[in-house]
Amino acid sequence: MDKEVTKTESDDTSSVEIKVLLFARARELAGVPDLTLKMPSGSTTQKCMDELVLKFPSLEEVRSCVVLALNEEYTTDSAIVQHRDELAIIPPISGG
């Protein structure tokens, strides 16, 4: 049991968990409105998007045109995510 605790503690320092929110077409393609994503510490929003496309290959359709928001503020591909951050994937929205 001690080994498990130690492993968990070391995992916490080497990785972060973020909440990903998917909107509009991204939500349709992934089939989920949100999820928790575990990433290595120091990961960028672009690396998170890479991981999401691996998990949900259909997201490739909107990847080049999405806007990213980190903790409710628009951000860039190079922003570093922190533990418990919230990353929103926002594709262009059309309607009428």
C-alpha atoms as a PDB file:
ATOM      1  CA  MET A   1       0.000   0.000   0.000  1.00  0.00           C
ATOM      2  CA  ASP A   2       2.863   2.404   0.733  1.00  0.00           C
ATOM      3  CA  LYS A   3       4.193   1.838  -2.782  1.00  0.00           C
ATOM      4  CA  GLU A   4       0.835   2.853  -4.217  1.00  0.00           C
ATOM      5  CA  VAL A   5       0.828   6.086  -2.210  1.00  0.00           C
ATOM      6  CA  THR A   6       4.384   6.876  -3.312  1.00  0.00           C
ATOM      7  CA  LYS A   7       3.483   6.157  -6.930  1.00  0.00           C
ATOM      8  CA  THR A   8       0.465   8.466  -6.725  1.00  0.00           C
ATOM      9  CA  GLU A   9       2.544  11.248  -5.192  1.00  0.00           C
ATOM     10  CA  SER A  10       5.182  10.978  -7.906  1.00  0.00           C
ATOM     11  CA  ASP A  11       2.463  10.900 -10.585  1.00  0.00           C
ATOM     12  CA  ASP A  12       1.031  14.127  -9.190  1.00  0.00           C
ATOM     13  CA  THR A  13       4.360  15.919  -9.579  1.00  0.00           C
ATOM     14  CA  SER A  14       5.039  14.636 -13.098  1.00  0.00           C
ATOM     15  CA  SER A  15       1.587  15.088 -14.567  1.00  0.00           C
ATOM     16  CA  VAL A  16      -1.411  17.377 -14.451  1.00  0.00           C
ATOM     17  CA  GLU A  17      -5.110  16.732 -14.885  1.00  0.00           C
ATOM     18  CA  ILE A  18      -7.166  19.260 -16.778  1.00  0.00           C
ATOM     19  CA  LYS A  19     -10.833  19.470 -17.620  1.00  0.00           C
ATOM     20  CA  VAL A  20     -11.547  19.728 -21.329  1.00  0.00           C
ATOM     21  CA  LEU A  21     -14.812  21.264 -22.517  1.00  0.00           C
ATOM     22  CA  LEU A  22     -15.923  20.574 -26.076  1.00  0.00           C
ATOM     23  CA  PHE A  23     -18.354  22.848 -27.864  1.00  0.00           C
ATOM     24  CA  ALA A  24     -20.479  22.720 -31.030  1.00  0.00           C
ATOM     25  CA  ARG A  25     -18.981  20.514 -33.783  1.00  0.00           C
ATOM     26  CA  ALA A  26     -16.114  19.357 -31.522  1.00  0.00           C
ATOM     27  CA  ARG A  27     -18.683  17.999 -29.054  1.00  0.00           C
ATOM     28  CA  GLU A  28     -20.529  16.217 -31.865  1.00  0.00           C
ATOM     29  CA  LEU A  29     -17.331  14.670 -33.229  1.00  0.00           C
ATOM     30  CA  ALA A  30     -16.050  13.471 -29.855  1.00  0.00           C
ATOM     31  CA  GLY A  31     -19.458  12.393 -28.609  1.00  0.00           C
ATOM     32  CA  VAL A  32     -18.839  13.888 -25.155  1.00  0.00           C
ATOM     33  CA  PRO A  33     -19.368  17.399 -23.752  1.00  0.00           C
ATOM     34  CA  ASP A  34     -16.348  17.249 -21.437  1.00  0.00           C
ATOM     35  CA  LEU A  35     -13.628  14.968 -20.088  1.00  0.00           C
ATOM     36  CA  THR A  36     -10.630  14.867 -17.811  1.00  0.00           C
ATOM     37  CA  LEU A  37      -7.275  14.691 -19.568  1.00  0.00           C
ATOM     38  CA  LYS A  38      -4.058  13.662 -17.838  1.00  0.00           C
ATOM     39  CA  MET A  39      -0.956  15.228 -19.376  1.00  0.00           C
ATOM     40  CA  PRO A  40       2.744  15.430 -18.478  1.00  0.00           C
ATOM     41  CA  SER A  41       3.706  18.538 -16.494  1.00  0.00           C
ATOM     42  CA  GLY A  42       4.772  21.370 -18.766  1.00  0.00           C
ATOM     43  CA  SER A  43       2.413  20.348 -21.576  1.00  0.00           C
ATOM     44  CA  THR A  44       1.141  23.031 -23.919  1.00  0.00           C
ATOM     45  CA  THR A  45      -2.422  23.466 -25.098  1.00  0.00           C
ATOM     46  CA  GLN A  46      -1.202  22.202 -28.490  1.00  0.00           C
ATOM     47  CA  LYS A  47       0.025  18.953 -26.878  1.00  0.00           C
ATOM     48  CA  CYS A  48      -3.389  18.615 -25.225  1.00  0.00           C
ATOM     49  CA  MET A  49      -5.045  19.029 -28.608  1.00  0.00           C
ATOM     50  CA  ASP A  50      -2.676  16.399 -30.047  1.00  0.00           C
ATOM     51  CA  GLU A  51      -3.757  13.991 -27.309  1.00  0.00           C
ATOM     52  CA  LEU A  52      -7.436  14.733 -27.901  1.00  0.00           C
ATOM     53  CA  VAL A  53      -7.056  13.972 -31.613  1.00  0.00           C
ATOM     54  CA  LEU A  54      -5.386  10.659 -30.692  1.00  0.00           C
ATOM     55  CA  LYS A  55      -8.345   9.805 -28.434  1.00  0.00           C
ATOM     56  CA  PHE A  56     -10.951  11.147 -30.872  1.00  0.00           C
ATOM     57  CA  PRO A  57      -9.511  11.001 -34.426  1.00  0.00           C
ATOM     58  CA  SER A  58     -12.638  12.662 -35.831  1.00  0.00           C
ATOM     59  CA  LEU A  59     -11.561  15.925 -34.125  1.00  0.00           C
ATOM     60  CA  GLU A  60      -8.966  16.297 -36.889  1.00  0.00           C
ATOM     61  CA  GLU A  61     -11.852  17.753 -38.941  1.00  0.00           C
ATOM     62  CA  VAL A  62     -11.985  20.920 -36.793  1.00  0.00           C
ATOM     63  CA  ARG A  63      -8.447  21.001 -35.431  1.00  0.00           C
ATOM     64  CA  SER A  64      -7.125  23.660 -37.794  1.00  0.00           C
ATOM     65  CA  CYS A  65      -9.965  26.083 -37.106  1.00  0.00           C
ATOM     66  CA  VAL A  66     -10.689  25.781 -33.376  1.00  0.00           C
ATOM     67  CA  VAL A  67     -10.147  28.526 -30.845  1.00  0.00           C
ATOM     68  CA  LEU A  68      -8.722  27.474 -27.480  1.00  0.00           C
ATOM     69  CA  ALA A  69      -9.665  29.029 -24.156  1.00  0.00           C
ATOM     70  CA  LEU A  70      -7.761  28.300 -20.961  1.00  0.00           C
ATOM     71  CA  ASN A  71      -9.641  29.091 -17.755  1.00  0.00           C
ATOM     72  CA  GLU A  72     -12.222  31.131 -19.688  1.00  0.00           C
ATOM     73  CA  GLU A  73      -9.653  33.275 -21.532  1.00  0.00           C
ATOM     74  CA  TYR A  74      -8.648  32.837 -25.157  1.00  0.00           C
ATOM     75  CA  THR A  75      -5.150  31.414 -25.414  1.00  0.00           C
ATOM     76  CA  THR A  76      -2.453  30.234 -27.821  1.00  0.00           C
ATOM     77  CA  ASP A  77      -1.120  26.795 -28.756  1.00  0.00           C
ATOM     78  CA  SER A  78       1.991  27.441 -26.679  1.00  0.00           C
ATOM     79  CA  ALA A  79       0.272  28.143 -23.333  1.00  0.00           C
ATOM     80  CA  ILE A  80       1.322  25.728 -20.563  1.00  0.00           C
ATOM     81  CA  VAL A  81      -1.516  23.944 -18.781  1.00  0.00           C
ATOM     82  CA  GLN A  82      -1.524  23.631 -15.000  1.00  0.00           C
ATOM     83  CA  HIS A  83      -3.187  21.071 -12.742  1.00  0.00           C
ATOM     84  CA  ARG A  84      -6.979  21.574 -12.643  1.00  0.00           C
ATOM     85  CA  ASP A  85      -7.007  24.061 -15.513  1.00  0.00           C
ATOM     86  CA  GLU A  86     -10.019  24.131 -17.798  1.00  0.00           C
ATOM     87  CA  LEU A  87      -9.367  23.982 -21.542  1.00  0.00           C
ATOM     88  CA  ALA A  88     -12.225  24.786 -23.907  1.00  0.00           C
ATOM     89  CA  ILE A  89     -12.182  23.624 -27.529  1.00  0.00           C
ATOM     90  CA  ILE A  90     -14.327  26.050 -29.527  1.00  0.00           C
ATOM     91  CA  PRO A  91     -14.838  25.436 -33.244  1.00  0.00           C
ATOM     92  CA  PRO A  92     -16.338  28.064 -35.523  1.00  0.00           C
ATOM     93  CA  ILE A  93     -20.073  28.282 -34.956  1.00  0.00           C
ATOM     94  CA  SER A  94     -22.401  28.699 -37.866  1.00  0.00           C
ATOM     95  CA  GLY A  95     -26.102  29.126 -37.710  1.00  0.00           C
ATOM     96  CA  GLY A  96     -28.997  30.922 -39.042  1.00  0.00           C
END
